[in-house]
Structure formats: structure tokens, C-alpha cells
Amino acid sequence: MMLNHPLYLEDVEFTAGLNLDWQKLTDSAVLISGASGLIGSFLIDVLMFRNRKYGQNCKISALGRSMKKAEERFADYMNDDTFTFISHDINSPLEGCSGNADYILHMASNTHPADYAADPVGTITTNIIGLNNLLKFALEHGTKRFLFASSVEVYGENRGDTELFDEKYSGYIDISRARSGYPEAKRCGETLCLSYLQQYGLDTVIPRLPRIYGPTMLMTDSKAVAQFIRKGVKHEDIILKSEGTQLYSYGYVADAVSGLLKVLFDGKNGEAYNIADRKSDITLKDLAGLIAEYSGRKVVFELPEESERKGYSMAMKAVLDPSKLQALGWKAHYDIEAGIKRTIDILREMKS
């Protein structure tokens, strides 16, 4: 069980102990979609830790598709009065959910590149129809603040006119590619949130996440960093299916969650915030090399299969400007090297 690992528990305890405006969650009700995912599951561990150690009394409604997976992942919480798991496909309206939801954090999304091309319709609908269902629910249930987890992908391809993506930048997206359903749906989702703000006065904030990794990642995750980490955990050669010159921002899951919470508590209504740290900007080749060196293996170059190539991002440089969120007092705890090594250490011990 993940919570039994001392390094993972250390991450949870550290995040739960950060100097944040936790009082906003006291005696509140929080609805989290994508609860079993990489970020959602860590967030729930943090909030439940707060409940048990600090008496936060934050009632958590966790939305996910699979009750079986939830019973395994959240076994320690299933009989807790402050935790409820709801098996639900958010592409359907949330009927039968009663009571208020003071805060809603929408993190349900297809984030696997291999599926962007294989299931473009599902990718788009979750980010638009599913989001709209939750926004309607927010209006009907007295929500104080709605958080929509967006992505670095909304910036598209760097047009060569900036070094860093700040929150006002808008790059190029080729809408003829099926893979573009993900970034375009995230863009539309952001606009939909702001439309609910303008038309109905719904308080909404939008954190934009870099490429996130961590021990809570799913073993089916097809992102390059997840594939590299799985190879590292198994002490296998790292397979790189490009020249690896792409320069991206990455983020460790604990830092992603602390950033989300900072935006939830202190972000300005209607605004977007990049969650990133310059110490976690790295090329794909150097990332593969870092993991290979730590695992005592080497990097092997292979040509990608056609199905894989269709899911690849065309962005060669996607580096986030973190200054706006840092101005609120947020900072990352782990750089890319520390975060990657920590992830591999936890997953290796969990596997053994």
C-alpha cells in the first residue's frame, strides 16, 4: 500500500504541513474528479492526513470510474466518515449527489498521449462535456470556488517569439491532427470556466500543469517520462524514440498538489497560473540519461511505431514561466533530479 512507504508518507506529511490557508477547508465539502489519478490520489492522501492529524473535518467526495480500483487505492479511507467514493462517468450528469460542494477540483482527463489519437472523441468530451456537467453541478450546490486543472498543452507550439510561456501566451496548434483534441479541449475548457464566471458569477481558477510524474502515476501511463521511469524501476535500458532535443517543464506530484492548493486558496478569481519550477526544465535526452545513469543502464534510440508517433506533441520547446504563482509565495520542493530519484526509489520498493 502506497501510504505504508516511508518516503511517500514523508511527501504527504510535508505537503499537509505547508503554510497554506488550510482553514478554508475546515468543516467544508470538497468534490474531486479524477480521484484515482496521479494527482488526485496524492491530493486525497494529503487532505485525509489533514483530517486525521489536524481535525480538519473536510468531507471529501471522490469521483472516479472504477470502484474496484478505488477500493484498492483508498482502502484505508473507505470506512472513514469524511471520505466517500462515487463511481461515476463525468460525461453523464451528476444525478443523485446531494449536499453542498464548497470546493470542486476537476482533474478528470485523458492524459495519455497514446490515447489522444486512439480515442480523440473521449479525450475531447471529458474535457468539455464532463467539465460542463461539473460546472452546472457547482452552480446548483453552492460552490465557493471551482478549480479546473489545465495543462501546458494549451500553449501549443512555441512560435519562436518567447523563451518562456507566461499565462498570456498563445502558440500554434494544428487542429487537423487528432492528437490536437487534448490541447484544444483544454483551451475550450478554460474558456467555458470563464464563461460561467462571466454569465453566472461562478468563482473559478485555472492552474496549468507541466508534465507531471511521481510514484502515484498509473502503470498504463504512456507519457515519455512515465515510460522512462518504468524502465528505470526495472533496471532496463531507457528507450528514446526521438533525438530527444525537446525541452519541457516537469513537476513532481507533491509539488503539483501544493501548487494546486495554493491556486485554490490564494489565486485570483478568473485567472490562470503556471505550476512549474525552472529547476525542473530538461530536454528529453537529458531526462532519459538521468534515469539511465541512476539505474545503471544506458539510453537506446528506437524509431517509434506509427500509433505512438500520432500521439506525440509537436512542441519542441514548452517551458513554463512560474513567476506569477511564485509571486503568491509558492515554490517547488523538488528539482527534477531529486523528484525522479525519489519516484524510482518508491516504486522499486513497492514492486519488490
Protein backbone atom coordinates (compact mmCIF):
# COMPACT_ATOMS: atom_id res chain seq x y z
CA MET A 1 0.00 0.00 0.00
CA MET A 2 1.39 3.39 -1.01
CA LEU A 3 0.81 5.01 2.39
CA ASN A 4 2.99 2.34 4.03
CA HIS A 5 6.07 3.57 2.20
CA PRO A 6 8.06 5.98 4.44
CA LEU A 7 9.25 8.22 1.59
CA TYR A 8 5.74 8.56 0.20
CA LEU A 9 4.28 9.23 3.64
CA GLU A 10 7.00 11.84 4.11
CA ASP A 11 5.81 13.60 0.94
CA VAL A 12 2.20 13.53 2.15
CA GLU A 13 3.09 14.80 5.62
CA PHE A 14 5.33 17.55 4.23
CA THR A 15 2.65 18.80 1.84
CA ALA A 16 -0.04 18.63 4.54
CA GLY A 17 2.17 20.70 6.81
CA LEU A 18 2.86 23.55 4.38
CA ASN A 19 2.00 27.09 5.40
CA LEU A 20 -1.22 27.32 3.37
CA ASP A 21 -4.65 28.76 4.16
CA TRP A 22 -5.98 25.39 5.34
CA GLN A 23 -8.75 26.97 7.42
CA LYS A 24 -10.77 27.35 4.24
CA LEU A 25 -11.22 23.59 4.19
CA THR A 26 -12.27 23.23 7.83
CA ASP A 27 -15.79 21.76 8.04
CA SER A 28 -16.08 22.10 4.26
CA ALA A 29 -17.17 19.75 1.47
CA VAL A 30 -14.79 19.07 -1.41
CA LEU A 31 -15.59 17.25 -4.65
CA ILE A 32 -12.61 15.84 -6.58
CA SER A 33 -12.90 14.33 -10.05
CA GLY A 34 -10.12 12.15 -11.38
CA ALA A 35 -9.69 10.94 -7.81
CA SER A 36 -7.75 7.78 -8.66
CA GLY A 37 -5.33 9.54 -10.98
CA LEU A 38 -1.72 10.58 -10.46
CA ILE A 39 -2.55 13.96 -8.93
CA GLY A 40 -5.99 13.29 -7.49
CA SER A 41 -4.89 10.31 -5.41
CA PHE A 42 -1.99 12.23 -3.85
CA LEU A 43 -4.28 15.19 -3.11
CA ILE A 44 -6.74 12.91 -1.34
CA ASP A 45 -3.95 11.41 0.77
CA VAL A 46 -2.93 14.93 1.80
CA LEU A 47 -6.48 16.00 2.69
CA MET A 48 -7.17 12.81 4.61
CA PHE A 49 -3.91 13.27 6.50
CA ARG A 50 -5.12 16.76 7.44
CA ASN A 51 -8.42 15.32 8.61
CA ARG A 52 -6.80 12.73 10.84
CA LYS A 53 -3.90 14.71 12.27
CA TYR A 54 -5.33 18.21 12.43
CA GLY A 55 -9.07 17.54 12.74
CA GLN A 56 -9.80 19.40 9.51
CA ASN A 57 -13.18 17.69 9.08
CA CYS A 58 -13.06 18.19 5.32
CA LYS A 59 -15.71 15.97 3.72
CA ILE A 60 -14.26 14.51 0.52
CA SER A 61 -16.40 13.19 -2.34
CA ALA A 62 -14.06 11.42 -4.74
CA LEU A 63 -15.27 10.80 -8.28
CA GLY A 64 -13.82 8.02 -10.43
CA ARG A 65 -14.92 5.36 -12.86
CA SER A 66 -13.74 2.21 -11.12
CA MET A 67 -14.98 1.23 -7.69
CA LYS A 68 -12.60 -1.74 -7.71
CA LYS A 69 -9.55 0.47 -8.22
CA ALA A 70 -10.82 2.87 -5.57
CA GLU A 71 -11.28 0.09 -3.03
CA GLU A 72 -7.66 -0.91 -3.58
CA ARG A 73 -6.16 2.59 -3.68
CA PHE A 74 -8.26 4.12 -0.90
CA ALA A 75 -8.76 1.04 1.25
CA ASP A 76 -7.67 2.95 4.35
CA TYR A 77 -10.43 5.54 3.88
CA MET A 78 -13.46 3.55 2.77
CA ASN A 79 -14.95 3.39 6.26
CA ASP A 80 -13.99 6.92 7.21
CA ASP A 81 -16.89 9.34 7.74
CA THR A 82 -15.03 12.11 5.90
CA PHE A 83 -14.48 10.11 2.69
CA THR A 84 -16.95 8.96 0.04
CA PHE A 85 -16.05 7.42 -3.29
CA ILE A 86 -18.58 7.83 -6.10
CA SER A 87 -18.26 5.63 -9.17
CA HIS A 88 -19.30 7.91 -11.99
CA ASP A 89 -18.52 8.84 -15.60
CA ILE A 90 -18.48 12.63 -15.60
CA ASN A 91 -19.69 12.69 -19.20
CA SER A 92 -23.06 11.99 -17.59
CA PRO A 93 -24.80 14.50 -15.28
CA LEU A 94 -24.17 14.05 -11.57
CA GLU A 95 -27.62 12.89 -10.55
CA GLY A 96 -28.20 11.66 -7.04
CA CYS A 97 -25.33 13.64 -5.48
CA SER A 98 -26.79 15.63 -2.60
CA GLY A 99 -25.47 18.34 -0.32
CA ASN A 100 -23.20 21.27 -0.99
CA ALA A 101 -19.78 21.17 -2.59
CA ASP A 102 -17.86 24.13 -1.20
CA TYR A 103 -14.93 23.42 -3.49
CA ILE A 104 -14.75 21.42 -6.70
CA LEU A 105 -11.44 20.35 -8.21
CA HIS A 106 -11.86 18.95 -11.70
CA MET A 107 -8.89 16.77 -12.59
CA ALA A 108 -10.52 14.01 -14.60
CA SER A 109 -8.95 13.89 -18.03
CA ASN A 110 -7.36 11.55 -20.50
CA THR A 111 -3.69 12.46 -20.13
CA HIS A 112 -2.17 9.56 -22.05
CA PRO A 113 -0.65 10.54 -25.42
CA ALA A 114 -1.27 7.08 -26.87
CA ASP A 115 -4.99 7.64 -26.33
CA TYR A 116 -5.12 11.15 -27.82
CA ALA A 117 -5.11 9.66 -31.31
CA ALA A 118 -6.78 6.33 -30.40
CA ASP A 119 -9.73 7.97 -28.58
CA PRO A 120 -9.88 11.62 -29.66
CA VAL A 121 -13.65 11.80 -29.06
CA GLY A 122 -13.34 10.57 -25.48
CA THR A 123 -10.44 12.95 -24.91
CA ILE A 124 -12.47 15.94 -26.06
CA THR A 125 -15.77 15.07 -24.39
CA THR A 126 -14.24 14.55 -20.94
CA ASN A 127 -12.64 17.97 -21.10
CA ILE A 128 -15.76 19.77 -22.36
CA ILE A 129 -18.95 17.80 -21.66
CA GLY A 130 -17.63 16.39 -18.38
CA LEU A 131 -16.45 19.83 -17.33
CA ASN A 132 -19.80 21.38 -18.20
CA ASN A 133 -21.59 18.79 -16.06
CA LEU A 134 -19.42 19.70 -13.10
CA LEU A 135 -19.82 23.45 -13.66
CA LYS A 136 -23.62 23.01 -13.67
CA PHE A 137 -23.32 20.97 -10.50
CA ALA A 138 -21.27 23.77 -8.94
CA LEU A 139 -23.99 26.33 -9.62
CA GLU A 140 -26.64 24.07 -8.13
CA HIS A 141 -24.70 23.13 -4.99
CA GLY A 142 -23.35 26.36 -3.58
CA THR A 143 -19.75 26.00 -4.70
CA LYS A 144 -17.46 28.76 -3.40
CA ARG A 145 -14.65 28.08 -5.86
CA PHE A 146 -14.21 25.81 -8.90
CA LEU A 147 -10.72 24.68 -9.90
CA PHE A 148 -10.11 23.38 -13.43
CA ALA A 149 -6.77 21.62 -13.81
CA SER A 150 -5.43 22.68 -17.20
CA SER A 151 -2.16 21.93 -18.95
CA VAL A 152 0.98 23.31 -20.56
CA GLU A 153 -0.55 21.88 -23.73
CA VAL A 154 -2.85 24.93 -24.06
CA TYR A 155 0.15 26.96 -25.18
CA GLY A 156 0.60 24.83 -28.28
CA GLU A 157 3.86 25.10 -30.19
CA ASN A 158 6.31 27.83 -29.35
CA ARG A 159 6.29 30.26 -32.28
CA GLY A 160 9.88 31.24 -31.58
CA ASP A 161 8.90 34.60 -30.14
CA THR A 162 9.34 33.77 -26.44
CA GLU A 163 11.69 31.90 -24.14
CA LEU A 164 9.03 31.01 -21.57
CA PHE A 165 5.27 30.54 -21.73
CA ASP A 166 3.60 33.07 -19.45
CA GLU A 167 -0.14 32.91 -18.78
CA LYS A 168 -1.00 35.29 -21.64
CA TYR A 169 0.90 33.43 -24.37
CA SER A 170 -0.99 31.57 -27.10
CA GLY A 171 1.02 29.44 -29.50
CA TYR A 172 0.07 27.42 -32.57
CA ILE A 173 -1.97 24.20 -32.61
CA ASP A 174 -2.55 22.24 -35.82
CA ILE A 175 -6.24 21.37 -35.46
CA SER A 176 -6.09 18.86 -38.35
CA ARG A 177 -4.30 16.34 -36.10
CA ALA A 178 -6.47 14.04 -33.97
CA ARG A 179 -3.95 14.47 -31.17
CA SER A 180 -4.88 18.15 -31.03
CA GLY A 181 -8.17 17.23 -29.38
CA TYR A 182 -6.45 17.32 -26.00
CA PRO A 183 -4.93 20.84 -26.08
CA GLU A 184 -7.92 22.29 -27.93
CA ALA A 185 -10.34 20.77 -25.42
CA LYS A 186 -8.28 22.17 -22.55
CA ARG A 187 -8.39 25.61 -24.19
CA CYS A 188 -12.13 25.33 -24.67
CA GLY A 189 -12.48 24.12 -21.08
CA GLU A 190 -10.71 27.20 -19.77
CA THR A 191 -12.99 29.43 -21.84
CA LEU A 192 -16.03 27.53 -20.57
CA CYS A 193 -14.96 28.16 -16.96
CA LEU A 194 -14.52 31.86 -17.65
CA SER A 195 -17.91 31.91 -19.38
CA TYR A 196 -19.53 30.53 -16.21
CA LEU A 197 -17.76 33.28 -14.30
CA GLN A 198 -18.99 35.99 -16.65
CA GLN A 199 -22.53 34.70 -17.10
CA TYR A 200 -23.28 33.22 -13.67
CA GLY A 201 -20.64 34.69 -11.36
CA LEU A 202 -19.07 31.31 -10.56
CA ASP A 203 -15.68 31.79 -8.86
CA THR A 204 -13.14 29.82 -10.88
CA VAL A 205 -9.36 29.39 -11.00
CA ILE A 206 -7.18 27.56 -13.52
CA PRO A 207 -3.82 26.01 -12.64
CA ARG A 208 -1.79 24.98 -15.70
CA LEU A 209 0.33 21.93 -15.04
CA PRO A 210 3.59 20.88 -16.70
CA ARG A 211 4.39 17.23 -17.40
CA ILE A 212 3.76 15.60 -14.02
CA TYR A 213 5.40 12.45 -12.70
CA GLY A 214 5.60 10.71 -9.35
CA PRO A 215 5.01 7.42 -7.51
CA THR A 216 1.22 7.71 -7.94
CA MET A 217 1.49 7.50 -11.73
CA LEU A 218 -0.50 4.73 -13.35
CA MET A 219 1.43 1.83 -14.83
CA THR A 220 -0.53 2.33 -18.06
CA ASP A 221 0.65 5.95 -18.43
CA SER A 222 2.07 6.39 -21.94
CA LYS A 223 3.86 9.72 -21.40
CA ALA A 224 7.58 9.57 -22.16
CA VAL A 225 8.61 10.36 -18.60
CA ALA A 226 6.39 7.55 -17.28
CA GLN A 227 7.85 5.08 -19.79
CA PHE A 228 11.38 6.11 -18.80
CA ILE A 229 10.61 5.73 -15.09
CA ARG A 230 9.09 2.27 -15.56
CA LYS A 231 12.25 1.17 -17.35
CA GLY A 232 14.35 2.66 -14.57
CA VAL A 233 12.36 0.85 -11.91
CA LYS A 234 13.01 -2.45 -13.69
CA HIS A 235 16.72 -1.67 -14.25
CA GLU A 236 16.21 -1.81 -18.01
CA ASP A 237 17.70 0.35 -20.77
CA ILE A 238 15.79 3.58 -21.39
CA ILE A 239 14.17 3.65 -24.82
CA LEU A 240 14.25 7.07 -26.51
CA LYS A 241 12.16 7.27 -29.69
CA SER A 242 13.37 10.66 -30.95
CA GLU A 243 16.54 12.71 -30.93
CA GLY A 244 15.45 13.94 -27.53
CA THR A 245 16.05 17.64 -28.16
CA GLN A 246 12.57 18.60 -26.88
CA LEU A 247 12.86 20.94 -23.89
CA TYR A 248 9.97 20.70 -21.44
CA SER A 249 8.93 21.69 -17.92
CA TYR A 250 8.28 18.82 -15.50
CA GLY A 251 6.87 18.64 -11.99
CA TYR A 252 6.91 16.15 -9.11
CA VAL A 253 3.42 15.20 -7.94
CA ALA A 254 3.85 16.61 -4.41
CA ASP A 255 4.83 19.99 -5.88
CA ALA A 256 1.92 19.84 -8.32
CA VAL A 257 -0.53 19.32 -5.45
CA SER A 258 0.96 22.09 -3.30
CA GLY A 259 0.67 24.36 -6.34
CA LEU A 260 -2.96 23.37 -6.92
CA LEU A 261 -3.78 24.11 -3.30
CA LYS A 262 -2.01 27.48 -3.46
CA VAL A 263 -4.09 28.41 -6.51
CA LEU A 264 -7.27 27.13 -4.82
CA PHE A 265 -6.66 29.16 -1.68
CA ASP A 266 -4.98 32.31 -2.98
CA GLY A 267 -5.45 32.51 -6.74
CA LYS A 268 -7.40 35.43 -8.16
CA ASN A 269 -10.89 34.68 -9.45
CA GLY A 270 -10.87 34.05 -13.20
CA GLU A 271 -7.11 33.75 -13.61
CA ALA A 272 -4.69 31.03 -14.72
CA TYR A 273 -1.42 30.13 -13.01
CA ASN A 274 1.52 28.07 -14.25
CA ILE A 275 2.69 25.48 -11.72
CA ALA A 276 6.35 25.00 -12.58
CA ASP A 277 9.92 25.45 -11.42
CA ARG A 278 12.91 26.32 -13.61
CA LYS A 279 15.00 23.64 -11.85
CA SER A 280 12.76 21.02 -13.46
CA ASP A 281 13.21 22.14 -17.08
CA ILE A 282 15.09 19.46 -19.00
CA THR A 283 15.46 18.00 -22.50
CA LEU A 284 14.01 14.57 -23.18
CA LYS A 285 17.50 13.25 -23.94
CA ASP A 286 18.91 14.52 -20.64
CA LEU A 287 15.89 13.16 -18.76
CA ALA A 288 16.46 9.72 -20.28
CA GLY A 289 20.16 10.00 -19.43
CA LEU A 290 19.41 10.96 -15.82
CA ILE A 291 17.20 7.90 -15.31
CA ALA A 292 19.60 5.58 -17.15
CA GLU A 293 22.55 6.72 -15.04
CA TYR A 294 20.62 6.32 -11.79
CA SER A 295 19.56 2.82 -12.88
CA GLY A 296 23.00 1.75 -14.08
CA ARG A 297 21.75 1.29 -17.63
CA LYS A 298 22.03 3.11 -20.97
CA VAL A 299 19.82 5.04 -23.38
CA VAL A 300 18.79 3.17 -26.52
CA PHE A 301 17.38 5.00 -29.54
CA GLU A 302 14.48 3.37 -31.42
CA LEU A 303 12.07 4.51 -34.10
CA PRO A 304 8.50 4.93 -32.77
CA GLU A 305 5.58 2.91 -34.07
CA GLU A 306 3.00 4.81 -36.12
CA SER A 307 0.38 4.62 -33.33
CA GLU A 308 2.87 6.11 -30.88
CA ARG A 309 4.01 8.86 -33.23
CA LYS A 310 0.43 10.06 -33.72
CA GLY A 311 0.20 10.81 -30.01
CA TYR A 312 3.42 12.80 -29.84
CA SER A 313 3.40 16.52 -29.12
CA MET A 314 4.77 18.66 -31.94
CA ALA A 315 6.08 21.18 -29.43
CA MET A 316 9.88 21.17 -29.35
CA LYS A 317 10.08 23.71 -26.55
CA ALA A 318 7.41 24.08 -23.88
CA VAL A 319 8.87 25.79 -20.84
CA LEU A 320 6.58 27.47 -18.33
CA ASP A 321 7.15 30.83 -16.66
CA PRO A 322 6.46 30.19 -12.94
CA SER A 323 6.79 33.79 -11.74
CA LYS A 324 3.06 34.53 -11.34
CA LEU A 325 2.44 31.70 -8.87
CA GLN A 326 5.78 32.24 -7.16
CA ALA A 327 4.71 35.84 -6.53
CA LEU A 328 1.93 34.39 -4.34
CA GLY A 329 4.58 32.67 -2.23
CA TRP A 330 4.62 29.18 -3.79
CA LYS A 331 7.82 27.31 -4.51
CA ALA A 332 8.65 23.76 -5.53
CA HIS A 333 10.32 21.43 -3.04
CA TYR A 334 11.98 19.02 -5.50
CA ASP A 335 14.06 19.67 -8.60
CA ILE A 336 13.94 17.19 -11.49
CA GLU A 337 16.84 15.04 -10.27
CA ALA A 338 15.56 14.69 -6.71
CA GLY A 339 11.99 14.05 -7.85
CA ILE A 340 12.94 11.40 -10.40
CA LYS A 341 15.19 9.53 -7.97
CA ARG A 342 12.53 9.66 -5.27
CA THR A 343 9.90 8.30 -7.65
CA ILE A 344 12.10 5.40 -8.73
CA ASP A 345 13.09 4.56 -5.16
CA ILE A 346 9.46 4.40 -4.02
CA LEU A 347 8.24 2.39 -6.98
CA ARG A 348 11.12 -0.10 -6.77
CA GLU A 349 10.37 -0.84 -3.14
CA MET A 350 6.64 -1.05 -3.82
CA LYS A 351 7.35 -3.52 -6.62
CA SER A 352 9.65 -5.75 -4.55
